[in-house]
N, C-alpha and C. Protein backbone atom coordinates (compact mmCIF):
# COMPACT_ATOMS: atom_id res chain seq x y z
N MET A 1 67.21 -10.07 -42.61
CA MET A 1 66.46 -8.84 -42.71
C MET A 1 65.12 -9.07 -43.41
N PHE A 2 65.16 -9.76 -44.54
CA PHE A 2 63.95 -10.06 -45.28
C PHE A 2 63.02 -10.96 -44.49
N LEU A 3 63.61 -11.90 -43.78
CA LEU A 3 62.83 -12.82 -42.96
C LEU A 3 62.13 -12.09 -41.81
N GLN A 4 62.79 -11.11 -41.20
CA GLN A 4 62.17 -10.34 -40.13
C GLN A 4 60.98 -9.53 -40.64
N LEU A 5 61.10 -8.98 -41.83
CA LEU A 5 60.00 -8.22 -42.43
C LEU A 5 58.79 -9.12 -42.67
N ILE A 6 59.03 -10.30 -43.14
CA ILE A 6 57.94 -11.25 -43.38
C ILE A 6 57.27 -11.63 -42.06
N ILE A 7 58.06 -11.87 -41.03
CA ILE A 7 57.51 -12.23 -39.71
C ILE A 7 56.66 -11.08 -39.16
N VAL A 8 57.14 -9.85 -39.29
CA VAL A 8 56.39 -8.69 -38.81
C VAL A 8 55.07 -8.57 -39.57
N LEU A 9 55.09 -8.73 -40.88
CA LEU A 9 53.86 -8.67 -41.67
C LEU A 9 52.88 -9.78 -41.30
N VAL A 10 53.40 -10.97 -41.08
CA VAL A 10 52.54 -12.10 -40.71
C VAL A 10 51.86 -11.83 -39.37
N VAL A 11 52.53 -11.17 -38.46
CA VAL A 11 51.95 -10.87 -37.16
C VAL A 11 51.02 -9.66 -37.25
N LEU A 12 51.38 -8.65 -38.02
CA LEU A 12 50.60 -7.42 -38.07
C LEU A 12 49.29 -7.56 -38.84
N ILE A 13 49.25 -8.40 -39.86
CA ILE A 13 48.02 -8.53 -40.65
C ILE A 13 46.86 -9.04 -39.81
N PRO A 14 46.99 -10.13 -39.04
CA PRO A 14 45.85 -10.54 -38.19
C PRO A 14 45.54 -9.53 -37.09
N LEU A 15 46.59 -8.91 -36.55
CA LEU A 15 46.36 -7.90 -35.52
C LEU A 15 45.56 -6.72 -36.08
N LEU A 16 45.90 -6.27 -37.26
CA LEU A 16 45.19 -5.17 -37.89
C LEU A 16 43.74 -5.57 -38.20
N ALA A 17 43.53 -6.79 -38.62
CA ALA A 17 42.17 -7.27 -38.90
C ALA A 17 41.33 -7.29 -37.63
N ILE A 18 41.92 -7.70 -36.52
CA ILE A 18 41.20 -7.73 -35.25
C ILE A 18 40.83 -6.33 -34.80
N VAL A 19 41.76 -5.40 -34.90
CA VAL A 19 41.51 -4.03 -34.46
C VAL A 19 40.46 -3.36 -35.34
N LEU A 20 40.55 -3.56 -36.65
CA LEU A 20 39.59 -2.92 -37.56
C LEU A 20 38.20 -3.51 -37.44
N ASP A 21 38.10 -4.76 -37.02
CA ASP A 21 36.79 -5.39 -36.87
C ASP A 21 36.17 -5.11 -35.52
N SER A 22 36.90 -4.47 -34.62
CA SER A 22 36.36 -4.18 -33.29
C SER A 22 35.47 -2.94 -33.35
N GLN A 23 34.83 -2.63 -32.23
CA GLN A 23 33.96 -1.46 -32.15
C GLN A 23 34.75 -0.18 -32.33
N VAL A 24 35.97 -0.15 -31.84
CA VAL A 24 36.81 1.04 -32.00
C VAL A 24 37.13 1.26 -33.47
N GLY A 25 37.46 0.20 -34.17
CA GLY A 25 37.74 0.32 -35.60
C GLY A 25 36.53 0.78 -36.39
N ARG A 26 35.37 0.26 -36.04
CA ARG A 26 34.14 0.68 -36.73
C ARG A 26 33.82 2.13 -36.45
N ALA A 27 34.03 2.57 -35.19
CA ALA A 27 33.78 3.97 -34.86
C ALA A 27 34.72 4.89 -35.62
N LEU A 28 35.99 4.51 -35.71
CA LEU A 28 36.94 5.31 -36.48
C LEU A 28 36.55 5.36 -37.95
N ALA A 29 36.12 4.24 -38.50
CA ALA A 29 35.73 4.20 -39.91
C ALA A 29 34.52 5.08 -40.17
N SER A 30 33.53 5.02 -39.29
CA SER A 30 32.33 5.86 -39.50
C SER A 30 32.66 7.33 -39.35
N ARG A 31 33.57 7.65 -38.45
CA ARG A 31 33.97 9.06 -38.28
C ARG A 31 34.71 9.55 -39.52
N LEU A 32 35.59 8.72 -40.06
CA LEU A 32 36.30 9.09 -41.29
C LEU A 32 35.34 9.24 -42.46
N GLU A 33 34.34 8.37 -42.53
CA GLU A 33 33.35 8.48 -43.61
C GLU A 33 32.55 9.76 -43.49
N ARG A 34 32.10 10.10 -42.27
CA ARG A 34 31.33 11.33 -42.08
C ARG A 34 32.18 12.55 -42.41
N ARG A 35 33.42 12.54 -42.01
CA ARG A 35 34.29 13.68 -42.28
C ARG A 35 34.52 13.83 -43.77
N GLY A 36 34.62 12.71 -44.48
CA GLY A 36 34.82 12.77 -45.92
C GLY A 36 33.58 13.26 -46.65
N ILE A 37 32.40 12.90 -46.18
CA ILE A 37 31.15 13.29 -46.83
C ILE A 37 30.80 14.74 -46.50
N ASP A 38 30.84 15.09 -45.24
CA ASP A 38 30.40 16.40 -44.80
C ASP A 38 31.47 17.46 -44.87
N GLY A 39 32.69 17.10 -45.11
CA GLY A 39 33.78 18.07 -45.06
C GLY A 39 34.22 18.23 -43.62
N PRO A 40 34.73 19.39 -43.25
CA PRO A 40 35.18 19.59 -41.86
C PRO A 40 34.00 19.53 -40.89
N VAL A 41 34.28 19.01 -39.71
CA VAL A 41 33.24 18.85 -38.69
C VAL A 41 32.87 20.23 -38.15
N ASP A 42 31.56 20.47 -38.07
CA ASP A 42 31.06 21.74 -37.54
C ASP A 42 30.91 21.59 -36.02
N LEU A 43 31.87 22.09 -35.29
CA LEU A 43 31.86 21.95 -33.84
C LEU A 43 30.76 22.76 -33.19
N SER A 44 30.38 23.87 -33.81
CA SER A 44 29.34 24.70 -33.19
C SER A 44 28.00 23.96 -33.19
N ALA A 45 27.71 23.17 -34.22
CA ALA A 45 26.46 22.41 -34.25
C ALA A 45 26.45 21.36 -33.14
N GLU A 46 27.59 20.72 -32.91
CA GLU A 46 27.68 19.73 -31.83
C GLU A 46 27.51 20.40 -30.47
N ARG A 47 28.12 21.56 -30.30
CA ARG A 47 28.00 22.29 -29.03
C ARG A 47 26.57 22.74 -28.80
N ILE A 48 25.89 23.20 -29.85
CA ILE A 48 24.50 23.64 -29.71
C ILE A 48 23.62 22.45 -29.32
N ALA A 49 23.83 21.31 -29.96
CA ALA A 49 23.04 20.12 -29.63
C ALA A 49 23.28 19.71 -28.18
N PHE A 50 24.54 19.77 -27.73
CA PHE A 50 24.85 19.43 -26.35
C PHE A 50 24.18 20.40 -25.38
N LEU A 51 24.26 21.69 -25.69
CA LEU A 51 23.66 22.69 -24.81
C LEU A 51 22.14 22.56 -24.77
N GLU A 52 21.52 22.23 -25.90
CA GLU A 52 20.08 22.03 -25.91
C GLU A 52 19.68 20.86 -25.02
N SER A 53 20.44 19.79 -25.08
CA SER A 53 20.12 18.64 -24.24
C SER A 53 20.32 18.98 -22.76
N GLU A 54 21.34 19.77 -22.45
CA GLU A 54 21.56 20.18 -21.06
C GLU A 54 20.43 21.07 -20.56
N VAL A 55 19.95 21.99 -21.41
CA VAL A 55 18.83 22.85 -21.01
C VAL A 55 17.59 22.02 -20.74
N GLU A 56 17.35 21.02 -21.58
CA GLU A 56 16.19 20.15 -21.37
C GLU A 56 16.32 19.37 -20.06
N ARG A 57 17.53 18.85 -19.80
CA ARG A 57 17.75 18.09 -18.56
C ARG A 57 17.57 18.98 -17.34
N LEU A 58 18.11 20.19 -17.40
CA LEU A 58 17.97 21.12 -16.27
C LEU A 58 16.52 21.54 -16.07
N GLY A 59 15.77 21.70 -17.15
CA GLY A 59 14.35 22.01 -17.03
C GLY A 59 13.59 20.91 -16.32
N GLN A 60 13.91 19.67 -16.65
CA GLN A 60 13.27 18.53 -15.98
C GLN A 60 13.65 18.51 -14.50
N GLU A 61 14.90 18.81 -14.19
CA GLU A 61 15.36 18.82 -12.80
C GLU A 61 14.64 19.92 -12.01
N ILE A 62 14.46 21.09 -12.62
CA ILE A 62 13.75 22.18 -11.94
C ILE A 62 12.30 21.79 -11.70
N GLY A 63 11.67 21.12 -12.66
CA GLY A 63 10.30 20.65 -12.47
C GLY A 63 10.20 19.67 -11.31
N ARG A 64 11.18 18.76 -11.23
CA ARG A 64 11.18 17.79 -10.13
C ARG A 64 11.35 18.49 -8.79
N LEU A 65 12.26 19.45 -8.74
CA LEU A 65 12.48 20.19 -7.48
C LEU A 65 11.25 21.00 -7.10
N ASP A 66 10.54 21.54 -8.08
CA ASP A 66 9.32 22.29 -7.82
C ASP A 66 8.25 21.38 -7.22
N GLU A 67 8.12 20.17 -7.75
CA GLU A 67 7.16 19.21 -7.20
C GLU A 67 7.52 18.84 -5.76
N GLU A 68 8.80 18.61 -5.50
CA GLU A 68 9.22 18.27 -4.14
C GLU A 68 8.95 19.42 -3.18
N SER A 69 9.20 20.63 -3.62
CA SER A 69 8.97 21.80 -2.78
C SER A 69 7.48 21.96 -2.47
N ALA A 70 6.62 21.78 -3.47
CA ALA A 70 5.18 21.88 -3.25
C ALA A 70 4.71 20.81 -2.27
N PHE A 71 5.26 19.60 -2.40
CA PHE A 71 4.87 18.52 -1.49
C PHE A 71 5.29 18.84 -0.06
N LEU A 72 6.51 19.35 0.12
CA LEU A 72 6.97 19.70 1.47
C LEU A 72 6.16 20.84 2.07
N HIS A 73 5.82 21.84 1.26
CA HIS A 73 4.99 22.94 1.76
C HIS A 73 3.61 22.44 2.18
N LYS A 74 3.07 21.49 1.42
CA LYS A 74 1.77 20.92 1.75
C LYS A 74 1.85 20.15 3.07
N LEU A 75 2.92 19.37 3.24
CA LEU A 75 3.09 18.63 4.49
C LEU A 75 3.22 19.57 5.68
N LEU A 76 3.97 20.64 5.52
CA LEU A 76 4.14 21.58 6.62
C LEU A 76 2.85 22.33 6.93
N ALA A 77 2.06 22.62 5.93
CA ALA A 77 0.80 23.33 6.15
C ALA A 77 -0.23 22.44 6.86
N GLU A 78 -0.19 21.14 6.58
CA GLU A 78 -1.17 20.22 7.17
C GLU A 78 -0.71 19.65 8.50
N ARG A 79 0.48 20.00 8.95
CA ARG A 79 1.02 19.46 10.19
C ARG A 79 0.21 19.96 11.37
N PRO A 80 -0.13 19.06 12.31
CA PRO A 80 -0.89 19.49 13.49
C PRO A 80 -0.01 20.39 14.37
N PRO A 81 -0.64 21.26 15.14
CA PRO A 81 0.16 22.15 16.01
C PRO A 81 0.92 21.34 17.06
N GLU A 82 2.12 21.80 17.34
CA GLU A 82 2.95 21.09 18.32
C GLU A 82 2.47 21.40 19.73
N ARG A 83 2.60 20.42 20.60
CA ARG A 83 2.23 20.62 22.00
C ARG A 83 3.49 20.59 22.84
N ASP A 84 3.60 21.52 23.75
CA ASP A 84 4.76 21.54 24.64
C ASP A 84 4.68 20.43 25.68
N ALA A 85 3.47 19.97 25.98
CA ALA A 85 3.30 18.94 27.00
C ALA A 85 3.81 17.58 26.51
N ALA A 86 3.88 17.39 25.22
CA ALA A 86 4.31 16.11 24.68
C ALA A 86 5.82 15.92 24.83
N LEU A 87 6.57 17.00 25.05
CA LEU A 87 8.00 16.88 25.22
C LEU A 87 8.36 16.62 26.66
N PRO A 88 9.35 15.80 26.93
CA PRO A 88 9.76 15.55 28.31
C PRO A 88 10.47 16.81 28.83
N PRO A 89 10.40 17.01 30.13
CA PRO A 89 11.06 18.20 30.68
C PRO A 89 12.57 18.08 30.52
N GLY A 90 13.20 19.22 30.26
CA GLY A 90 14.64 19.24 30.06
C GLY A 90 15.36 19.33 31.39
N ASP A 91 16.64 19.11 31.37
CA ASP A 91 17.46 19.21 32.56
C ASP A 91 17.65 20.69 32.89
N PRO A 92 17.29 21.14 34.09
CA PRO A 92 17.40 22.57 34.41
C PRO A 92 18.85 23.04 34.49
N ASN A 93 19.81 22.13 34.62
CA ASN A 93 21.21 22.51 34.74
C ASN A 93 21.86 22.78 33.38
N ASP A 94 21.19 22.52 32.29
CA ASP A 94 21.77 22.74 30.94
C ASP A 94 21.81 24.16 30.58
């Protein structure tokens, strides 16, 4: 029994060191530090920051769509008039 406990500890100590030294371990440590310093996490501040970034992204997307629309309107306005003679005659049986 005592020997099994020692074997488990010998295996778990390096495993724990590897996990804590990884990026996941560092992220967990920084999150625990922030929670300890700031107290409980204010979810509304995170949601507001997320929503602000989404509004900015959507504003940029609307600007891009506006530019594309203006370009297409310009192309359509400058298009030469179509000629019926340029089209081949259709099949009268259709």
